[in-house]
Amino acid sequence: MLKGSKVIFPALLKSVVAPPVLVACILYLCPPVHIVVRAVVYFVVFPALLVLRSTYSLHQSRRAALGAGAREIPRVQGRHVLNIDVLLDWAKSGSEDEVGWMMAVMRARYGPTYNTRVLGEDQIISMDPAVLNHVLVDDFDNFVKGAKFKERAQGFLGDGIFNSDGDRWRFHRSLTRPFFHPSHVNPAHVAPRVHAFLAALPASPFDAQERLGELVMQIAVDWMCGPVSGWGEQWEAARRGLGAALRDAQMVVGKRVKIGTIWALFEIGQDPLAKPMSTLRTFFRPVIEHAIERKRERQTGTAIEDADELHLIDRLVEATDDYKLIEDQLINALLASRDTTSALLTFCVYMMTIDPDAYSRLREEVLATAPNADVDKDVIREQRITRAFINEVLRLFPPVPLNIRRTLRPALLPSSDGGPPMFMPANTSIILATVLMQRSSDVFGADADAFNLDRWLDGGLPRGQREAFMSWNVGPRMCLGQPLALTVAHTFLTQWVHHMGHSRTQSRLATEAQPAGTRMPAEWATPHGQGRARGGRDRVWIVADVVLAVKGGLWIEIERAEQ
């Protein structure tokens, strides 16, 4: 069966098959016409019916909004019919601009919540805290991942927690929650990996983003599965390729989401997920089999294990015998723990490099609270400035900058301006622009683009700003991995400070080492940048397929004081 057929076949029937059949029936009932006229009619019928369907759905939406005592969501007015130009500009901005820039431009004209209405289909975008809280908390059960996203991500995420809704999602959540509890996260398990990472840093420029991805991959596998090794060269090759496999699989899913309903037509005769998924399955196969064998030994009494030595994979094999379900959950957990935490560390290194004042304050606290670089839970609790540093990185550089949900039923969206609610039809997608909301001057004040540790100290954020800080998500889907990510971040920052040693030793951006075409355009740092790069503050090109990243990598060099 063709991939995506559940969605594609009905769409093709409605958009490709039905129009010519309808025309054929009409022409059959009419007097004979010239073949040229027939050809013109067949050619025109497709866009004509698309426009008619769009007009009819708009009429229905207006009636429903009026009946609910609500207003319509502001619609983007493109230059061409059906906002085709908006679609083309959107596709172009994904590769030629920074993350969220086109959304920010539209916000200036239409407000924090608007409808792009491309090709006659509603597509809502919002960076309004009231809307995001409504979607993620107040009306949670009505805003789901949806069947369309699930089908596009099925080959990668399977039936794991990030590709599930309803009872299946609740099952996954209850299954994994205990192992994300702080009692299962120990800084001592993280420290050796971080120490080895820092000891191996070269003297010449290097890509910190790539190296941090490998570090967090090692930490995540340790936490999920315990020590793993010794399953042959093919398995070792898969282990080395885990990072690239996750990146490639995300790019495939991201492309499918951008293409939309007909994505499978672009994959006829090929499966772009085959290679990355082969790598992931080759790595996990012996790991899962070994865990199942340990389970049998525990059941027969031939092996006794300390509860502290059990890992997430042991919890999974105890809960189910479904191999595919175990594999799906491990892939989902690896994606969550590796990509988001490595993004956090990447932008921590970035801000330590470009903001010496913030780094100086961080360094002073680290040396006072952890003079020997030893980190435990008490030290983490003491490190208030370090936590403020982490929070400010997460505010400006949320690892997941955009989120997407789809309505099951019509919804009434609130707005921060206190106006009437906005009507959102059923079966409609909404993109939640977390990165733009957390940089909004309407929410975080005139200095929203600035890196300011003090906003988190001396009482912390005021209520409105606190409710708009959603880097960990909010509501029932709030990030389970927060304790692990914070432990890794505190441990890394503490050891980084000690590794740097002398106060005059520092890291610098080595933009000259970046691959061609990946440097941030120089005009973005000038008034001609129109607010890009946080008003010219940033010095790297920030993008996102799924997770926030630096285009071409974060290239830095460690400059020793003696140099």
Protein backbone atom coordinates (compact mmCIF):
# COMPACT_ATOMS: atom_id res chain seq x y z
CA MET A 1 0.00 0.00 0.00
CA LEU A 2 1.23 3.53 -0.81
CA LYS A 3 2.65 5.38 2.19
CA GLY A 4 0.22 7.98 3.48
CA SER A 5 -2.65 6.42 1.54
CA LYS A 6 -5.22 7.04 4.30
CA VAL A 7 -4.83 10.76 3.74
CA ILE A 8 -3.62 10.91 0.13
CA PHE A 9 -6.35 8.82 -1.55
CA PRO A 10 -9.26 10.92 -0.17
CA ALA A 11 -7.34 14.11 -1.04
CA LEU A 12 -6.64 12.91 -4.58
CA LEU A 13 -10.24 11.81 -5.00
CA LYS A 14 -11.47 15.25 -3.94
CA SER A 15 -8.88 17.37 -5.75
CA VAL A 16 -7.80 15.36 -8.81
CA VAL A 17 -10.43 12.74 -9.66
CA ALA A 18 -13.69 14.49 -8.79
CA PRO A 19 -13.20 17.70 -10.85
CA PRO A 20 -12.70 16.04 -14.28
CA VAL A 21 -15.45 13.51 -13.55
CA LEU A 22 -17.80 16.36 -12.74
CA VAL A 23 -16.81 18.22 -15.93
CA ALA A 24 -17.23 15.07 -18.01
CA CYS A 25 -20.76 14.60 -16.69
CA ILE A 26 -21.66 18.24 -17.40
CA LEU A 27 -20.22 18.13 -20.93
CA TYR A 28 -22.01 14.85 -21.60
CA LEU A 29 -25.32 16.56 -20.87
CA CYS A 30 -24.45 19.63 -22.99
CA PRO A 31 -24.39 19.96 -26.79
CA PRO A 32 -21.10 18.86 -28.41
CA VAL A 33 -18.26 21.38 -28.03
CA HIS A 34 -14.90 21.80 -29.75
CA ILE A 35 -12.01 19.78 -28.31
CA VAL A 36 -10.09 23.00 -27.53
CA VAL A 37 -13.01 24.23 -25.45
CA ARG A 38 -13.10 20.90 -23.64
CA ALA A 39 -9.38 21.16 -22.88
CA VAL A 40 -9.75 24.70 -21.54
CA VAL A 41 -12.67 23.66 -19.33
CA TYR A 42 -10.74 20.70 -17.91
CA PHE A 43 -7.74 22.98 -17.26
CA VAL A 44 -9.77 25.69 -15.50
CA VAL A 45 -11.91 23.40 -13.38
CA PHE A 46 -9.16 22.53 -10.89
CA PRO A 47 -8.33 26.06 -9.64
CA ALA A 48 -11.99 27.08 -9.99
CA LEU A 49 -13.20 24.32 -7.69
CA LEU A 50 -10.37 25.03 -5.26
CA VAL A 51 -11.43 28.67 -5.05
CA LEU A 52 -15.09 27.68 -4.67
CA ARG A 53 -14.28 25.23 -1.87
CA SER A 54 -12.18 27.88 -0.16
CA THR A 55 -14.95 30.47 -0.44
CA TYR A 56 -17.54 28.02 0.89
CA SER A 57 -15.41 27.00 3.88
CA LEU A 58 -14.82 30.68 4.70
CA HIS A 59 -18.57 31.26 4.65
CA GLN A 60 -19.13 28.29 6.95
CA SER A 61 -16.43 29.50 9.33
CA ARG A 62 -17.93 33.00 9.48
CA ARG A 63 -21.37 31.59 10.29
CA ALA A 64 -19.96 29.35 13.01
CA ALA A 65 -17.99 32.22 14.55
CA LEU A 66 -21.07 34.46 14.55
CA GLY A 67 -23.15 31.71 16.13
CA ALA A 68 -20.58 31.24 18.89
CA GLY A 69 -20.35 34.96 19.63
CA ALA A 70 -16.72 34.97 18.50
CA ARG A 71 -14.63 36.84 15.96
CA GLU A 72 -12.68 35.36 13.08
CA ILE A 73 -8.93 34.92 13.37
CA PRO A 74 -7.18 37.62 11.27
CA ARG A 75 -6.36 36.20 7.82
CA VAL A 76 -3.16 36.90 5.94
CA GLN A 77 -3.86 38.73 2.68
CA GLY A 78 -1.36 37.50 0.11
CA ARG A 79 -0.55 39.06 -3.23
CA HIS A 80 -1.96 36.12 -5.23
CA VAL A 81 -5.11 34.03 -5.16
CA LEU A 82 -5.26 31.37 -2.42
CA ASN A 83 -2.13 32.94 -0.85
CA ILE A 84 0.13 30.96 -3.18
CA ASP A 85 2.82 33.62 -2.71
CA VAL A 86 2.67 33.06 1.06
CA LEU A 87 3.31 29.36 0.50
CA LEU A 88 6.30 30.08 -1.75
CA ASP A 89 7.72 32.70 0.62
CA TRP A 90 7.29 30.27 3.50
CA ALA A 91 9.23 27.52 1.71
CA LYS A 92 11.98 29.97 0.79
CA SER A 93 12.32 31.42 4.30
CA GLY A 94 12.99 28.00 5.78
CA SER A 95 16.39 27.80 4.08
CA GLU A 96 17.27 31.47 3.51
CA ASP A 97 16.29 33.16 6.77
CA GLU A 98 16.48 32.68 10.51
CA VAL A 99 13.95 30.57 12.37
CA GLY A 100 10.56 32.24 12.75
CA TRP A 101 11.42 35.38 10.77
CA MET A 102 8.47 35.22 8.36
CA MET A 103 6.13 34.59 11.31
CA ALA A 104 7.53 37.68 13.02
CA VAL A 105 6.96 39.79 9.90
CA MET A 106 3.33 38.66 9.73
CA ARG A 107 2.87 39.31 13.45
CA ALA A 108 3.73 42.98 12.94
CA ARG A 109 0.84 43.26 10.49
CA TYR A 110 -1.80 40.86 11.78
CA GLY A 111 -1.13 40.55 15.50
CA PRO A 112 0.08 37.61 17.63
CA THR A 113 -2.51 35.15 16.25
CA TYR A 114 -3.36 34.87 12.55
CA ASN A 115 -4.47 32.49 9.80
CA THR A 116 -2.18 32.03 6.77
CA ARG A 117 -5.04 30.38 4.83
CA VAL A 118 -2.83 28.81 2.14
CA LEU A 119 -4.56 26.98 -0.75
CA GLY A 120 -7.91 27.43 0.94
CA GLU A 121 -6.91 25.55 4.10
CA ASP A 122 -6.81 27.19 7.53
CA GLN A 123 -3.38 27.21 9.17
CA ILE A 124 -3.30 29.13 12.44
CA ILE A 125 -0.09 30.56 13.90
CA SER A 126 0.10 32.03 17.38
CA MET A 127 2.68 33.52 19.74
CA ASP A 128 0.09 34.80 22.23
CA PRO A 129 0.62 33.35 25.75
CA ALA A 130 -3.14 33.20 26.28
CA VAL A 131 -3.58 31.05 23.18
CA LEU A 132 -0.64 28.77 23.96
CA ASN A 133 -1.90 28.18 27.51
CA HIS A 134 -5.38 27.46 26.19
CA VAL A 135 -4.05 24.93 23.64
CA LEU A 136 -1.58 23.18 25.94
CA VAL A 137 -3.50 23.32 29.23
CA ASP A 138 -7.12 24.51 29.27
CA ASP A 139 -8.38 22.64 26.18
CA PHE A 140 -5.67 19.98 26.11
CA ASP A 141 -7.87 17.05 25.04
CA ASN A 142 -9.14 18.98 22.01
CA PHE A 143 -5.68 19.86 20.66
CA VAL A 144 -3.85 16.71 19.59
CA LYS A 145 -0.89 15.71 17.46
CA GLY A 146 -3.44 14.41 15.00
CA ALA A 147 -3.63 11.63 12.43
CA LYS A 148 -1.80 13.63 9.75
CA PHE A 149 1.31 14.21 11.86
CA LYS A 150 1.21 10.64 13.16
CA GLU A 151 1.17 9.20 9.64
CA ARG A 152 4.11 11.38 8.54
CA ALA A 153 6.19 10.45 11.58
CA GLN A 154 5.12 6.80 11.87
CA GLY A 155 8.17 5.36 10.14
CA PHE A 156 10.46 7.22 12.56
CA LEU A 157 8.65 7.53 15.90
CA GLY A 158 6.28 4.57 15.51
CA ASP A 159 3.73 4.46 18.32
CA GLY A 160 6.06 6.15 20.83
CA ILE A 161 5.13 8.92 23.24
CA PHE A 162 5.84 11.78 20.79
CA ASN A 163 3.58 10.27 18.13
CA SER A 164 0.63 9.34 20.31
CA ASP A 165 -2.55 10.88 21.65
CA GLY A 166 -5.24 9.86 24.11
CA ASP A 167 -4.96 6.57 25.99
CA ARG A 168 -1.83 5.45 24.12
CA TRP A 169 -0.04 8.65 25.12
CA ARG A 170 -1.18 8.26 28.75
CA PHE A 171 0.13 4.70 28.77
CA HIS A 172 3.56 5.83 27.55
CA ARG A 173 3.62 8.70 30.03
CA SER A 174 2.82 6.48 33.02
CA LEU A 175 5.35 3.89 31.84
CA THR A 176 8.32 6.25 31.63
CA ARG A 177 7.53 8.84 34.34
CA PRO A 178 9.17 6.93 37.24
CA PHE A 179 12.56 6.84 35.50
CA PHE A 180 12.52 10.57 34.87
CA HIS A 181 12.08 11.25 38.59
CA PRO A 182 15.00 13.20 40.14
CA SER A 183 15.81 10.19 42.33
CA HIS A 184 16.93 8.33 39.18
CA VAL A 185 19.18 11.16 38.00
CA ASN A 186 22.62 11.39 39.61
CA PRO A 187 25.25 14.00 38.66
CA ALA A 188 27.94 11.43 39.46
CA HIS A 189 26.80 9.36 36.47
CA VAL A 190 27.13 12.38 34.18
CA ALA A 191 30.44 13.83 35.40
CA PRO A 192 32.86 11.24 33.93
CA ARG A 193 31.42 11.69 30.43
CA VAL A 194 31.66 15.50 30.70
CA HIS A 195 35.23 15.31 32.04
CA ALA A 196 36.31 13.07 29.14
CA PHE A 197 34.58 15.40 26.67
CA LEU A 198 36.41 18.49 27.95
CA ALA A 199 39.77 16.71 28.13
CA ALA A 200 39.48 15.80 24.43
CA LEU A 201 38.75 19.32 23.15
CA PRO A 202 41.31 20.35 20.53
CA ALA A 203 43.42 23.51 20.52
CA SER A 204 42.26 24.38 16.99
CA PRO A 205 38.72 25.54 16.05
CA PHE A 206 36.05 22.83 16.43
CA ASP A 207 32.31 22.40 16.00
CA ALA A 208 30.96 22.49 19.55
CA GLN A 209 27.44 21.68 18.37
CA GLU A 210 28.49 18.38 16.81
CA ARG A 211 30.71 17.39 19.74
CA LEU A 212 28.03 18.25 22.30
CA GLY A 213 25.55 16.14 20.36
CA GLU A 214 27.88 13.15 20.73
CA LEU A 215 28.41 13.88 24.45
CA VAL A 216 24.69 14.01 25.20
CA MET A 217 24.14 10.90 23.07
CA GLN A 218 26.56 8.99 25.31
CA ILE A 219 24.89 10.31 28.47
CA ALA A 220 21.41 9.47 27.15
CA VAL A 221 22.36 5.91 26.20
CA ASP A 222 24.03 5.40 29.60
CA TRP A 223 20.89 6.59 31.37
CA MET A 224 18.46 4.60 29.18
CA CYS A 225 20.36 1.35 28.80
CA GLY A 226 23.40 1.31 31.10
CA PRO A 227 26.84 0.32 29.78
CA VAL A 228 26.53 -1.05 26.23
CA SER A 229 29.39 -2.40 24.10
CA GLY A 230 30.87 -5.45 22.44
CA TRP A 231 28.32 -6.46 19.81
CA GLY A 232 30.53 -6.43 16.75
CA GLU A 233 31.72 -3.96 14.14
CA GLN A 234 28.31 -3.52 12.51
CA TRP A 235 26.85 -2.51 15.87
CA GLU A 236 29.81 -0.18 16.57
CA ALA A 237 29.24 1.50 13.20
CA ALA A 238 25.57 1.97 14.10
CA ARG A 239 26.55 3.44 17.49
CA ARG A 240 28.83 5.95 15.79
CA GLY A 241 26.06 6.86 13.35
CA LEU A 242 23.27 7.43 15.88
CA GLY A 243 23.51 11.22 15.80
CA ALA A 244 23.41 11.42 12.01
CA ALA A 245 20.53 8.92 11.90
CA LEU A 246 18.41 11.01 14.29
CA ARG A 247 19.20 14.18 12.34
CA ASP A 248 18.37 12.62 8.96
CA ALA A 249 15.11 11.08 10.22
CA GLN A 250 14.00 14.43 11.64
CA MET A 251 14.73 16.14 8.32
CA VAL A 252 12.57 13.59 6.48
CA VAL A 253 9.63 14.09 8.84
CA GLY A 254 10.09 17.87 8.72
CA LYS A 255 9.99 17.80 4.91
CA ARG A 256 6.83 15.67 4.95
CA VAL A 257 5.13 18.16 7.26
CA LYS A 258 6.09 21.08 4.98
CA ILE A 259 4.90 19.31 1.80
CA GLY A 260 1.59 18.39 3.38
CA THR A 261 -1.01 15.87 2.32
CA ILE A 262 0.71 14.65 -0.85
CA TRP A 263 4.12 14.02 0.76
CA ALA A 264 4.11 10.33 -0.18
CA LEU A 265 3.97 11.15 -3.88
CA PHE A 266 7.46 12.63 -3.53
CA GLU A 267 8.76 9.32 -2.11
CA ILE A 268 7.44 6.88 -4.71
CA GLY A 269 10.13 4.29 -5.41
CA GLN A 270 12.24 5.31 -2.40
CA ASP A 271 12.16 5.36 1.38
CA PRO A 272 14.32 8.17 2.80
CA LEU A 273 13.81 6.76 6.29
CA ALA A 274 15.27 3.35 5.41
CA LYS A 275 18.92 4.22 6.06
CA PRO A 276 18.55 6.16 9.33
CA MET A 277 16.06 3.66 10.73
CA SER A 278 18.36 0.76 9.82
CA THR A 279 21.09 2.43 11.88
CA LEU A 280 18.79 2.97 14.88
CA ARG A 281 17.42 -0.58 14.78
CA THR A 282 20.86 -2.13 14.34
CA PHE A 283 22.00 -0.31 17.47
CA PHE A 284 18.98 -1.14 19.63
CA ARG A 285 18.44 -4.78 18.56
CA PRO A 286 21.17 -6.40 20.72
CA VAL A 287 20.57 -3.88 23.51
CA ILE A 288 16.89 -4.88 23.74
CA GLU A 289 17.68 -8.59 23.43
CA HIS A 290 20.21 -8.30 26.25
CA ALA A 291 17.64 -6.54 28.46
CA ILE A 292 15.08 -9.28 27.74
CA GLU A 293 17.65 -11.90 28.70
CA ARG A 294 18.34 -10.07 31.99
CA LYS A 295 14.59 -10.07 32.64
CA ARG A 296 14.44 -13.86 32.19
CA GLU A 297 17.38 -14.28 34.58
CA ARG A 298 15.63 -12.15 37.21
CA GLN A 299 12.43 -14.15 36.82
CA THR A 300 14.21 -17.49 37.20
CA GLY A 301 16.29 -16.28 40.12
CA THR A 302 19.60 -16.83 38.35
CA ALA A 303 20.46 -13.14 38.57
CA ILE A 304 20.02 -10.58 41.33
CA GLU A 305 20.33 -6.92 40.42
CA ASP A 306 20.45 -3.85 42.61
CA ALA A 307 17.44 -1.63 41.93
CA ASP A 308 19.88 1.24 41.38
CA GLU A 309 21.39 -0.67 38.45
CA LEU A 310 18.09 -0.95 36.59
CA HIS A 311 17.55 1.43 33.70
CA LEU A 312 14.69 2.67 31.54
CA ILE A 313 15.04 -0.28 29.18
CA ASP A 314 14.56 -2.69 32.10
CA ARG A 315 11.36 -0.88 33.05
CA LEU A 316 10.11 -1.24 29.47
CA VAL A 317 10.83 -4.97 29.13
CA GLU A 318 9.17 -5.59 32.50
CA ALA A 319 6.03 -3.75 31.37
CA THR A 320 5.57 -5.32 27.93
CA ASP A 321 6.72 -8.17 25.70
CA ASP A 322 5.99 -6.12 22.57
CA TYR A 323 9.45 -5.70 20.97
CA LYS A 324 8.28 -2.98 18.56
CA LEU A 325 6.73 -0.97 21.38
CA ILE A 326 9.98 -1.16 23.37
CA GLU A 327 12.00 -0.09 20.33
CA ASP A 328 9.62 2.81 19.57
CA GLN A 329 9.80 4.08 23.13
CA LEU A 330 13.60 3.94 23.21
CA ILE A 331 13.88 5.86 19.92
CA ASN A 332 11.46 8.50 21.23
CA ALA A 333 13.36 8.79 24.53
CA LEU A 334 16.70 9.03 22.73
CA LEU A 335 15.38 11.79 20.47
CA ALA A 336 14.03 13.76 23.43
CA SER A 337 17.03 13.43 25.71
CA ARG A 338 19.73 13.82 23.05
CA ASP A 339 18.54 16.56 20.72
CA THR A 340 16.91 18.95 23.18
CA THR A 341 19.67 18.70 25.80
CA SER A 342 22.44 19.07 23.23
CA ALA A 343 20.67 22.19 21.91
CA LEU A 344 20.58 23.59 25.45
CA LEU A 345 24.32 22.95 25.94
CA THR A 346 25.15 24.34 22.50
CA PHE A 347 23.50 27.67 23.26
CA CYS A 348 24.99 27.72 26.77
CA VAL A 349 28.45 27.55 25.18
CA TYR A 350 27.39 30.15 22.63
CA MET A 351 26.28 32.65 25.29
CA MET A 352 29.37 32.03 27.44
CA THR A 353 31.40 32.84 24.35
CA ILE A 354 29.66 36.07 23.26
CA ASP A 355 28.62 37.48 26.67
CA PRO A 356 31.71 37.80 28.91
CA ASP A 357 29.82 39.65 31.66
CA ALA A 358 27.26 36.87 32.07
CA TYR A 359 30.05 34.28 31.96
CA SER A 360 32.00 36.16 34.65
CA ARG A 361 29.01 36.01 37.01
CA LEU A 362 28.49 32.33 36.23
CA ARG A 363 32.17 31.59 36.79
CA GLU A 364 32.24 33.37 40.15
CA GLU A 365 29.31 31.35 41.47
CA VAL A 366 30.65 28.03 40.18
CA LEU A 367 34.03 28.53 41.86
CA ALA A 368 32.26 29.42 45.13
CA THR A 369 29.74 26.57 45.16
CA ALA A 370 31.87 23.83 43.57
CA PRO A 371 35.54 24.71 44.21
CA ASN A 372 36.67 21.19 43.27
CA ALA A 373 34.25 20.82 40.33
CA ASP A 374 32.24 18.22 42.28
CA VAL A 375 28.50 18.48 41.60
CA ASP A 376 25.70 16.94 43.64
CA LYS A 377 22.07 17.85 44.20
CA ASP A 378 22.93 20.25 47.04
CA VAL A 379 25.37 22.13 44.80
CA ILE A 380 22.74 22.36 42.06
CA ARG A 381 20.26 23.84 44.53
CA GLU A 382 22.86 26.46 45.56
CA GLN A 383 23.66 27.55 42.02
CA ARG A 384 21.02 30.25 41.57
CA ILE A 385 22.97 32.28 39.00
CA THR A 386 23.79 29.12 37.05
CA ARG A 387 20.09 28.23 36.98
CA ALA A 388 19.26 31.79 35.87
CA PHE A 389 21.85 31.42 33.09
CA ILE A 390 20.23 28.14 31.96
CA ASN A 391 16.73 29.65 32.10
CA GLU A 392 17.74 32.71 30.07
CA VAL A 393 19.34 30.46 27.44
CA LEU A 394 16.12 28.44 27.30
CA ARG A 395 14.01 31.59 27.03
CA LEU A 396 15.91 33.02 24.07
CA PHE A 397 16.84 29.70 22.47
CA PRO A 398 14.09 27.14 23.27
CA PRO A 399 15.25 23.73 21.95
CA VAL A 400 11.83 23.13 20.36
CA PRO A 401 11.03 26.59 18.93
CA LEU A 402 7.77 25.64 17.21
CA ASN A 403 5.05 23.20 18.22
CA ILE A 404 2.03 21.98 16.29
CA ARG A 405 -1.41 20.76 17.31
CA ARG A 406 -4.69 19.99 15.53
CA THR A 407 -8.26 20.47 16.76
CA LEU A 408 -10.71 17.62 17.13
CA ARG A 409 -13.63 20.02 17.71
CA PRO A 410 -14.17 23.75 17.09
CA ALA A 411 -12.38 25.91 19.65
CA LEU A 412 -12.68 29.45 21.02
CA LEU A 413 -9.22 30.93 21.43
CA PRO A 414 -8.69 33.68 24.01
CA SER A 415 -6.40 36.64 23.43
CA SER A 416 -4.13 38.60 25.74
CA ASP A 417 -5.75 41.88 24.68
CA GLY A 418 -8.99 40.86 26.39
CA GLY A 419 -11.07 41.05 23.21
CA PRO A 420 -13.78 38.59 22.15
CA PRO A 421 -12.67 34.98 21.65
CA MET A 422 -11.48 33.86 18.20
CA PHE A 423 -13.19 30.98 16.41
CA MET A 424 -11.01 28.07 15.26
CA PRO A 425 -12.70 25.33 13.19
CA ALA A 426 -12.41 21.62 13.87
CA ASN A 427 -9.71 19.62 12.11
CA THR A 428 -7.46 22.68 11.85
CA SER A 429 -3.73 22.91 12.60
CA ILE A 430 -2.12 25.53 14.79
CA ILE A 431 1.59 26.30 15.03
CA LEU A 432 2.66 27.50 18.48
CA ALA A 433 5.63 29.85 18.02
CA THR A 434 7.28 29.52 21.43
CA VAL A 435 10.52 31.14 20.30
CA LEU A 436 8.74 34.33 19.19
CA MET A 437 6.54 34.51 22.28
CA GLN A 438 9.55 34.23 24.60
CA ARG A 439 11.33 37.04 22.72
CA SER A 440 8.27 39.30 22.56
CA SER A 441 8.61 42.79 24.03
CA ASP A 442 4.86 42.71 24.70
CA VAL A 443 5.48 39.87 27.15
CA PHE A 444 9.05 40.22 28.46
CA GLY A 445 9.46 43.98 28.22
CA ALA A 446 11.60 46.32 26.15
CA ASP A 447 14.75 44.26 26.81
CA ALA A 448 13.16 40.98 25.67
CA ASP A 449 15.92 40.36 23.10
CA ALA A 450 18.69 40.97 25.65
CA PHE A 451 20.38 38.21 27.66
CA ASN A 452 19.59 39.34 31.22
CA LEU A 453 20.26 37.04 34.17
CA ASP A 454 18.67 39.43 36.65
CA ARG A 455 15.17 38.86 35.32
CA TRP A 456 15.34 35.42 37.00
CA LEU A 457 16.84 36.60 40.32
CA ASP A 458 15.42 38.52 43.29
CA GLY A 459 11.93 37.09 43.16
CA GLY A 460 12.05 35.80 39.61
CA LEU A 461 9.68 36.54 36.75
CA PRO A 462 6.35 38.27 37.32
CA ARG A 463 3.33 36.05 36.83
CA GLY A 464 2.58 37.01 33.22
CA GLN A 465 6.15 36.32 32.10
CA ARG A 466 6.37 33.15 34.18
CA GLU A 467 3.27 31.77 32.44
CA ALA A 468 4.82 32.62 29.05
CA PHE A 469 8.03 30.66 29.72
CA MET A 470 7.28 27.36 27.98
CA SER A 471 10.66 25.91 27.00
CA TRP A 472 9.81 22.83 29.09
CA ASN A 473 6.28 22.84 27.63
CA VAL A 474 3.31 23.24 29.97
CA GLY A 475 0.27 21.21 30.90
CA PRO A 476 -0.05 17.41 30.76
CA ARG A 477 2.71 17.12 28.13
CA MET A 478 5.25 19.06 30.22
CA CYS A 479 8.76 17.71 29.64
CA LEU A 480 9.47 14.62 31.74
CA GLY A 481 13.20 14.92 31.08
CA GLN A 482 13.64 18.25 32.88
CA PRO A 483 15.53 16.78 35.89
CA LEU A 484 17.97 14.96 33.58
CA ALA A 485 18.53 18.01 31.35
CA LEU A 486 19.12 20.33 34.31
CA THR A 487 21.51 17.88 35.93
CA VAL A 488 23.51 17.58 32.72
CA ALA A 489 23.54 21.37 32.24
CA HIS A 490 24.69 22.18 35.79
CA THR A 491 27.36 19.49 35.67
CA PHE A 492 28.59 20.63 32.25
CA LEU A 493 28.73 24.34 33.15
CA THR A 494 30.55 23.62 36.40
CA GLN A 495 33.17 21.47 34.72
CA TRP A 496 33.48 23.90 31.79
CA VAL A 497 34.41 26.73 34.19
CA HIS A 498 37.06 24.59 35.87
CA HIS A 499 38.38 23.36 32.55
CA MET A 500 38.83 26.93 31.36
CA GLY A 501 40.93 27.53 34.47
CA HIS A 502 42.58 30.93 34.41
CA SER A 503 40.16 33.86 34.35
CA ARG A 504 41.73 35.18 31.14
CA THR A 505 41.24 31.90 29.30
CA GLN A 506 38.20 32.20 27.08
CA SER A 507 36.38 30.75 24.12
CA ARG A 508 35.85 32.73 20.94
CA LEU A 509 33.63 32.27 17.92
CA ALA A 510 35.68 30.88 15.04
CA THR A 511 33.29 31.88 12.26
CA GLU A 512 36.15 31.67 9.76
CA ALA A 513 36.01 27.89 10.17
CA GLN A 514 32.32 27.58 9.31
CA PRO A 515 31.34 25.80 6.09
CA ALA A 516 30.72 28.05 3.10
CA GLY A 517 27.24 29.54 2.97
CA THR A 518 26.49 29.05 6.67
CA ARG A 519 27.76 32.30 8.16
CA MET A 520 25.13 34.73 9.36
CA PRO A 521 24.62 37.48 6.74
CA ALA A 522 26.50 40.57 7.93
CA GLU A 523 23.53 42.88 7.34
CA TRP A 524 21.49 41.05 9.98
CA ALA A 525 23.67 42.73 12.62
CA THR A 526 22.86 46.19 11.22
CA PRO A 527 19.68 48.30 11.09
CA HIS A 528 19.10 46.75 7.65
CA GLY A 529 18.54 43.43 9.41
CA GLN A 530 15.08 44.67 10.50
CA GLY A 531 15.35 43.08 13.93
CA ARG A 532 16.87 39.76 12.88
CA ALA A 533 19.50 38.11 15.08
CA ARG A 534 17.87 39.49 18.24
CA GLY A 535 18.27 43.04 17.03
CA GLY A 536 21.81 42.38 15.79
CA ARG A 537 23.01 40.76 19.02
CA ASP A 538 23.50 37.27 17.59
CA ARG A 539 26.55 36.34 15.54
CA VAL A 540 25.47 32.96 14.18
CA TRP A 541 22.67 31.83 11.86
CA ILE A 542 19.99 30.11 13.94
CA VAL A 543 17.70 27.61 12.19
CA ALA A 544 15.42 24.70 13.04
CA ASP A 545 14.15 21.58 11.28
CA VAL A 546 12.60 20.30 14.49
CA VAL A 547 15.15 21.32 17.14
CA LEU A 548 16.92 24.70 17.33
CA ALA A 549 20.46 24.66 15.92
CA VAL A 550 23.27 26.79 14.53
CA LYS A 551 23.48 26.52 10.76
CA GLY A 552 26.80 24.89 9.81
CA GLY A 553 27.66 24.22 13.45
CA LEU A 554 28.90 26.33 16.38
CA TRP A 555 32.59 26.74 15.61
CA ILE A 556 34.67 27.98 18.54
CA GLU A 557 38.29 28.05 19.66
CA ILE A 558 39.67 27.94 23.19
CA GLU A 559 42.20 30.73 23.72
CA ARG A 560 44.47 29.95 26.64
CA ALA A 561 45.74 32.80 28.81
CA GLU A 562 49.36 31.82 28.21
CA GLN A 563 48.81 32.30 24.48
